[in-house]
Protein backbone atom coordinates (compact mmCIF):
# COMPACT_ATOMS: atom_id res chain seq x y z
CA MET A 1 -107.15 -56.55 116.21
CA ASP A 2 -108.52 -53.39 118.00
CA LYS A 3 -111.22 -52.81 115.16
CA LEU A 4 -112.36 -56.50 115.46
CA LEU A 5 -112.51 -56.39 119.25
CA THR A 6 -114.48 -53.13 119.05
CA PHE A 7 -116.84 -54.74 116.78
CA ALA A 8 -117.46 -57.82 119.15
CA TYR A 9 -117.61 -55.65 122.38
CA ASN A 10 -120.38 -53.28 120.56
CA ASN A 11 -122.42 -55.92 119.27
CA LEU A 12 -122.49 -57.99 122.77
CA LYS A 13 -123.06 -54.67 124.68
CA LYS A 14 -126.22 -53.91 122.77
CA HIS A 15 -127.66 -56.78 125.23
CA GLY A 16 -127.84 -54.43 128.24
CA TYR A 17 -125.54 -56.75 130.48
CA LYS A 18 -121.71 -56.52 131.48
CA VAL A 19 -119.42 -57.56 128.89
CA TYR A 20 -115.84 -58.61 129.68
CA ASP A 21 -113.15 -59.63 127.30
CA ASN A 22 -111.86 -62.16 129.65
CA ARG A 23 -113.13 -64.00 132.95
CA PRO A 24 -113.97 -61.27 135.39
CA MET A 25 -113.31 -61.57 139.19
CA ASP A 26 -115.40 -64.02 141.10
CA ASN A 27 -117.88 -61.36 142.76
CA VAL A 28 -119.30 -59.44 139.64
CA GLU A 29 -123.03 -58.95 138.89
CA VAL A 30 -124.72 -61.69 136.92
CA PRO A 31 -125.74 -62.51 134.16
CA PHE A 32 -122.83 -61.46 132.49
CA ILE A 33 -121.00 -61.94 128.88
CA GLU A 34 -117.56 -63.13 128.44
CA TYR A 35 -116.07 -63.17 125.01
CA GLY A 36 -112.59 -63.93 123.32
CA ILE A 37 -111.18 -63.59 119.62
CA ASP A 38 -108.45 -66.10 118.50
CA ILE A 39 -106.69 -64.97 115.31
CA PRO A 40 -104.44 -67.48 113.54
CA LEU A 41 -100.75 -66.77 113.32
CA ARG A 42 -100.62 -66.41 109.85
CA ASN A 43 -102.27 -63.11 108.60
CA THR A 44 -104.51 -63.75 105.62
CA ASN A 45 -107.16 -61.84 103.77
CA PRO A 46 -109.60 -62.59 104.38
CA LEU A 47 -108.60 -63.35 108.10
CA LEU A 48 -110.48 -66.32 109.52
CA ALA A 49 -110.97 -65.75 113.40
CA THR A 50 -112.92 -67.36 115.84
CA LEU A 51 -115.17 -65.68 118.40
CA THR A 52 -116.23 -67.42 121.53
CA VAL A 53 -118.95 -65.87 123.70
CA ASP A 54 -119.72 -67.29 127.18
CA VAL A 55 -123.29 -66.36 128.93
CA TRP A 56 -123.09 -66.72 132.70
CA ASP A 57 -125.93 -66.55 135.35
CA ARG A 58 -126.35 -67.85 138.73
CA ARG A 59 -130.38 -68.22 139.14
CA ASN A 60 -132.26 -71.17 139.89
CA SER A 61 -133.76 -71.23 136.32
CA THR A 62 -131.97 -71.46 133.07
CA THR A 63 -134.43 -68.87 131.50
CA THR A 64 -132.28 -65.71 131.73
CA VAL A 65 -129.06 -67.38 130.36
CA GLU A 66 -131.14 -69.17 127.51
CA ASN A 67 -132.81 -65.95 126.50
CA LEU A 68 -129.70 -64.05 126.48
CA THR A 69 -127.85 -66.73 124.48
CA ASN A 70 -130.99 -66.74 122.06
CA ASP A 71 -130.61 -62.66 121.65
CA ILE A 72 -126.96 -62.77 121.29
CA ASP A 73 -127.09 -65.51 118.52
CA GLU A 74 -129.95 -63.77 116.65
CA GLY A 75 -127.93 -60.67 116.60
CA LEU A 76 -124.60 -62.07 115.49
CA GLU A 77 -125.73 -65.18 113.25
CA ASN A 78 -124.97 -64.32 109.52
CA LEU A 79 -124.26 -60.84 110.34
CA SER A 80 -122.49 -58.87 107.85
CA TYR A 81 -120.80 -55.67 109.18
CA SER A 82 -118.70 -53.06 107.37
CA ASP A 83 -117.15 -49.83 108.29
CA GLU A 84 -114.18 -47.76 106.94
CA TYR A 85 -111.44 -50.34 108.48
CA ILE A 86 -113.07 -53.80 108.44
CA GLN A 87 -115.50 -55.80 106.87
CA VAL A 88 -116.95 -58.83 108.71
CA LYS A 89 -119.11 -61.91 108.00
CA VAL A 90 -120.24 -63.75 111.11
CA LYS A 91 -121.20 -67.56 111.02
CA ARG A 92 -122.11 -69.80 114.01
CA GLN A 93 -120.03 -72.92 114.22
CA GLY A 94 -121.68 -74.07 117.65
CA ARG A 95 -123.79 -73.53 120.65
CA TYR A 96 -123.28 -75.55 123.80
CA LYS A 97 -124.40 -75.99 127.30
CA VAL A 98 -121.08 -75.81 129.50
CA ASP A 99 -121.11 -77.66 132.81
CA ASP A 100 -119.26 -75.71 135.77
CA GLU A 101 -117.78 -76.82 139.09
CA ASP A 102 -120.41 -74.81 140.82
CA PRO A 103 -123.95 -76.36 140.19
CA GLU A 104 -125.47 -72.71 140.59
CA VAL A 105 -123.74 -71.45 137.73
CA LYS A 106 -125.58 -71.67 134.51
CA ARG A 107 -123.28 -71.17 131.39
CA ARG A 108 -123.97 -71.21 127.52
CA GLN A 109 -121.17 -70.90 125.03
CA LEU A 110 -121.53 -69.76 121.39
CA ILE A 111 -118.71 -70.05 118.92
CA TYR A 112 -118.64 -68.01 115.63
CA GLN A 113 -116.41 -67.91 112.66
CA LEU A 114 -115.35 -64.56 111.68
CA ARG A 115 -114.36 -63.93 107.97
CA VAL A 116 -112.59 -60.41 108.39
CA PHE A 117 -111.38 -58.13 105.54
CA TYR A 118 -109.44 -55.41 106.38
CA LYS A 119 -109.57 -52.00 104.27
CA GLY A 120 -106.89 -49.65 103.55
CA GLY A 121 -105.70 -47.54 106.52
CA CYS A 122 -105.85 -50.22 109.20
């Protein structure tokens, strides 16, 4: 799991914004990226995991949140990654506008299926 979290974090961090693996405190700098990986209880090879990416902003315009969401999607959609521990194939499952209780919050969500093959030594 650590290798998979590192893979996700490193790919999201490339965009130059703060990246969190769970919802940060209320007073963080925006925009920011939040992500989570859900792994089924039954471990198979390949492992089918779900990567959920949320992009948050508080500006009047949706331009920043849309551009950042587009950049993330272009970097992850159909990505194939391999190192000495894992091989990952990424496929987008959905892209959504998420409404928030706070009307100033702009939020987008991307959901990906990860096909993960673990190599020896992991």
